[in-house]
C-alpha atoms as a PDB file:
ATOM      1  CA  UNK A   1       9.498  -6.238  33.472  1.00  0.00           C
ATOM      2  CA  UNK A   2       5.851  -6.531  32.730  1.00  0.00           C
ATOM      3  CA  UNK A   3       4.575  -5.641  29.129  1.00  0.00           C
ATOM      4  CA  UNK A   4       3.503  -1.583  27.956  1.00  0.00           C
ATOM      5  CA  UNK A   5      -0.397  -1.100  26.767  1.00  0.00           C
ATOM      6  CA  UNK A   6      -1.203   0.905  24.475  1.00  0.00           C
ATOM      7  CA  UNK A   7      -4.660   2.151  24.820  1.00  0.00           C
ATOM      8  CA  UNK A   8      -7.211   2.442  21.120  1.00  0.00           C
ATOM      9  CA  UNK A   9     -10.690   3.762  21.111  1.00  0.00           C
ATOM     10  CA  UNK A  10     -12.441   1.765  19.131  1.00  0.00           C
ATOM     11  CA  UNK A  11     -16.242   3.611  19.565  1.00  0.00           C
ATOM     12  CA  UNK A  12     -17.698   6.372  21.046  1.00  0.00           C
ATOM     13  CA  UNK A  13     -19.979   4.010  23.229  1.00  0.00           C
ATOM     14  CA  UNK A  14     -20.313   0.105  23.359  1.00  0.00           C
ATOM     15  CA  UNK A  15     -23.794   0.914  21.316  1.00  0.00           C
ATOM     16  CA  UNK A  16     -21.664   2.196  18.223  1.00  0.00           C
ATOM     17  CA  UNK A  17     -20.139  -0.820  17.674  1.00  0.00           C
ATOM     18  CA  UNK A  18     -20.778  -3.064  14.595  1.00  0.00           C
ATOM     19  CA  UNK A  19     -22.856  -5.618  16.497  1.00  0.00           C
ATOM     20  CA  UNK A  20     -24.366  -8.815  15.537  1.00  0.00           C
ATOM     21  CA  UNK A  21     -27.353 -10.124  16.098  1.00  0.00           C
ATOM     22  CA  UNK A  22     -24.858 -13.020  17.731  1.00  0.00           C
ATOM     23  CA  UNK A  23     -23.187 -10.006  20.289  1.00  0.00           C
ATOM     24  CA  UNK A  24     -19.908 -10.408  18.133  1.00  0.00           C
ATOM     25  CA  UNK A  25     -18.184  -8.196  16.134  1.00  0.00           C
ATOM     26  CA  UNK A  26     -14.939  -7.615  14.136  1.00  0.00           C
ATOM     27  CA  UNK A  27     -13.013  -4.753  14.049  1.00  0.00           C
ATOM     28  CA  UNK A  28      -9.601  -3.835  13.263  1.00  0.00           C
ATOM     29  CA  UNK A  29      -7.300  -1.963  15.428  1.00  0.00           C
ATOM     30  CA  UNK A  30      -3.876  -0.578  15.489  1.00  0.00           C
ATOM     31  CA  UNK A  31      -3.517  -3.503  12.110  1.00  0.00           C
ATOM     32  CA  UNK A  32      -4.721  -6.467  14.220  1.00  0.00           C
ATOM     33  CA  UNK A  33      -8.546  -7.930  13.613  1.00  0.00           C
ATOM     34  CA  UNK A  34      -9.699  -8.559  16.739  1.00  0.00           C
ATOM     35  CA  UNK A  35     -13.043 -10.121  18.063  1.00  0.00           C
ATOM     36  CA  UNK A  36     -15.701  -8.391  20.887  1.00  0.00           C
ATOM     37  CA  UNK A  37     -17.767  -9.975  22.458  1.00  0.00           C
ATOM     38  CA  UNK A  38     -20.630  -8.432  23.860  1.00  0.00           C
ATOM     39  CA  UNK A  39     -23.084  -9.358  27.416  1.00  0.00           C
ATOM     40  CA  UNK A  40     -24.761  -6.406  28.632  1.00  0.00           C
ATOM     41  CA  UNK A  41     -22.653  -3.661  28.855  1.00  0.00           C
ATOM     42  CA  UNK A  42     -19.456  -5.922  29.762  1.00  0.00           C
ATOM     43  CA  UNK A  43     -17.783  -6.532  26.423  1.00  0.00           C
ATOM     44  CA  UNK A  44     -14.764  -8.360  26.409  1.00  0.00           C
ATOM     45  CA  UNK A  45     -11.584  -8.482  23.293  1.00  0.00           C
ATOM     46  CA  UNK A  46     -10.063 -11.696  21.778  1.00  0.00           C
ATOM     47  CA  UNK A  47      -8.379 -12.858  18.818  1.00  0.00           C
ATOM     48  CA  UNK A  48     -10.344 -12.925  15.646  1.00  0.00           C
ATOM     49  CA  UNK A  49      -9.498 -16.144  14.612  1.00  0.00           C
ATOM     50  CA  UNK A  50     -10.081 -19.700  16.910  1.00  0.00           C
ATOM     51  CA  UNK A  51      -6.274 -21.499  17.255  1.00  0.00           C
ATOM     52  CA  UNK A  52      -7.295 -25.003  16.368  1.00  0.00           C
ATOM     53  CA  UNK A  53      -8.436 -24.320  12.681  1.00  0.00           C
ATOM     54  CA  UNK A  54      -8.695 -20.175  12.415  1.00  0.00           C
ATOM     55  CA  UNK A  55     -12.225 -20.376  12.168  1.00  0.00           C
ATOM     56  CA  UNK A  56     -13.516 -16.382  12.419  1.00  0.00           C
ATOM     57  CA  UNK A  57     -14.579 -16.281  15.825  1.00  0.00           C
ATOM     58  CA  UNK A  58     -17.250 -13.435  15.597  1.00  0.00           C
ATOM     59  CA  UNK A  59     -18.941 -16.207  13.079  1.00  0.00           C
ATOM     60  CA  UNK A  60     -19.241 -18.520  15.899  1.00  0.00           C
ATOM     61  CA  UNK A  61     -21.952 -17.465  18.782  1.00  0.00           C
ATOM     62  CA  UNK A  62     -22.829 -16.968  22.919  1.00  0.00           C
ATOM     63  CA  UNK A  63     -23.262 -20.105  24.305  1.00  0.00           C
ATOM     64  CA  UNK A  64     -26.101 -20.135  27.325  1.00  0.00           C
ATOM     65  CA  UNK A  65     -23.448 -20.423  29.829  1.00  0.00           C
ATOM     66  CA  UNK A  66     -21.762 -17.183  28.115  1.00  0.00           C
ATOM     67  CA  UNK A  67     -18.852 -19.308  25.923  1.00  0.00           C
ATOM     68  CA  UNK A  68     -17.326 -18.177  22.922  1.00  0.00           C
ATOM     69  CA  UNK A  69     -18.482 -20.750  20.174  1.00  0.00           C
ATOM     70  CA  UNK A  70     -15.727 -21.982  17.305  1.00  0.00           C
ATOM     71  CA  UNK A  71     -18.447 -21.920  13.975  1.00  0.00           C
ATOM     72  CA  UNK A  72     -15.689 -24.839  12.415  1.00  0.00           C
ATOM     73  CA  UNK A  73     -15.768 -27.509  15.105  1.00  0.00           C
ATOM     74  CA  UNK A  74     -18.001 -25.719  18.069  1.00  0.00           C
ATOM     75  CA  UNK A  75     -14.655 -25.553  20.354  1.00  0.00           C
ATOM     76  CA  UNK A  76     -15.612 -22.995  23.182  1.00  0.00           C
ATOM     77  CA  UNK A  77     -13.438 -20.359  25.387  1.00  0.00           C
ATOM     78  CA  UNK A  78     -14.260 -18.670  28.074  1.00  0.00           C
ATOM     79  CA  UNK A  79     -14.131 -14.531  26.734  1.00  0.00           C
ATOM     80  CA  UNK A  80     -12.499 -13.586  30.156  1.00  0.00           C
ATOM     81  CA  UNK A  81      -9.459 -15.503  30.155  1.00  0.00           C
ATOM     82  CA  UNK A  82      -9.442 -17.515  27.300  1.00  0.00           C
ATOM     83  CA  UNK A  83      -9.002 -20.488  28.397  1.00  0.00           C
ATOM     84  CA  UNK A  84     -10.987 -23.447  26.742  1.00  0.00           C
ATOM     85  CA  UNK A  85     -13.394 -24.819  28.324  1.00  0.00           C
ATOM     86  CA  UNK A  86     -14.868 -27.953  25.656  1.00  0.00           C
ATOM     87  CA  UNK A  87     -10.906 -30.002  26.866  1.00  0.00           C
ATOM     88  CA  UNK A  88      -8.945 -29.386  23.659  1.00  0.00           C
ATOM     89  CA  UNK A  89      -6.468 -27.707  25.701  1.00  0.00           C
ATOM     90  CA  UNK A  90      -5.723 -24.443  23.227  1.00  0.00           C
ATOM     91  CA  UNK A  91      -5.655 -20.792  24.648  1.00  0.00           C
ATOM     92  CA  UNK A  92      -7.885 -17.861  22.739  1.00  0.00           C
ATOM     93  CA  UNK A  93      -5.849 -15.323  23.335  1.00  0.00           C
ATOM     94  CA  UNK A  94      -7.473 -12.122  24.945  1.00  0.00           C
ATOM     95  CA  UNK A  95      -7.092  -8.381  25.393  1.00  0.00           C
ATOM     96  CA  UNK A  96      -8.342  -5.866  28.396  1.00  0.00           C
ATOM     97  CA  UNK A  97     -11.358  -3.559  27.570  1.00  0.00           C
ATOM     98  CA  UNK A  98     -12.063  -0.421  29.307  1.00  0.00           C
ATOM     99  CA  UNK A  99     -15.182   1.821  29.265  1.00  0.00           C
ATOM    100  CA  UNK A 100     -14.829   5.262  30.412  1.00  0.00           C
ATOM    101  CA  UNK A 101     -16.665   8.277  29.519  1.00  0.00           C
ATOM    102  CA  UNK A 102     -14.401   9.003  26.347  1.00  0.00           C
ATOM    103  CA  UNK A 103     -15.398   5.885  24.713  1.00  0.00           C
ATOM    104  CA  UNK A 104     -14.215   1.712  24.535  1.00  0.00           C
ATOM    105  CA  UNK A 105     -11.110   1.017  24.802  1.00  0.00           C
ATOM    106  CA  UNK A 106      -8.660  -2.133  23.538  1.00  0.00           C
ATOM    107  CA  UNK A 107      -5.135  -2.598  24.936  1.00  0.00           C
ATOM    108  CA  UNK A 108      -2.610  -3.675  22.578  1.00  0.00           C
ATOM    109  CA  UNK A 109       0.960  -4.848  23.934  1.00  0.00           C
ATOM    110  CA  UNK A 110       3.277  -2.249  22.564  1.00  0.00           C
ATOM    111  CA  UNK A 111       4.887  -4.203  19.247  1.00  0.00           C
ATOM    112  CA  UNK A 112       8.468  -4.287  18.198  1.00  0.00           C
ATOM    113  CA  UNK A 113      11.921  -3.115  19.749  1.00  0.00           C
ATOM    114  CA  UNK A 114      11.170   0.349  20.663  1.00  0.00           C
ATOM    115  CA  UNK A 115       8.265  -0.930  23.232  1.00  0.00           C
ATOM    116  CA  UNK A 116      10.479  -1.996  25.493  1.00  0.00           C
ATOM    117  CA  UNK A 117      12.094   1.084  26.009  1.00  0.00           C
ATOM    118  CA  UNK A 118       9.097   2.839  27.961  1.00  0.00           C
END
């Protein structure tokens, strides 16, 4: 059985998000803090904290290869898959993003028992 997603509009457009100079930003959606990553008009979403030691991903940077780099220990992650590409074996949770006419939407799994009934 697939997990049901609930889509949340996080901004009217990509340019309205609170991007930092490093093309990253941290936002709260439905009570969850997530990190958004911008590469041109492509936006990806992932967990706000590194799974290794809890470094804030938005305080890191994107490498020349397009990988997210944690500010604490420089672990690198593929923003599309969350796969750790520097070899430590960690996985960064990712969330789907859709750019629609109505805005930028992030898909979050429905939490709790009632999500199973939909």
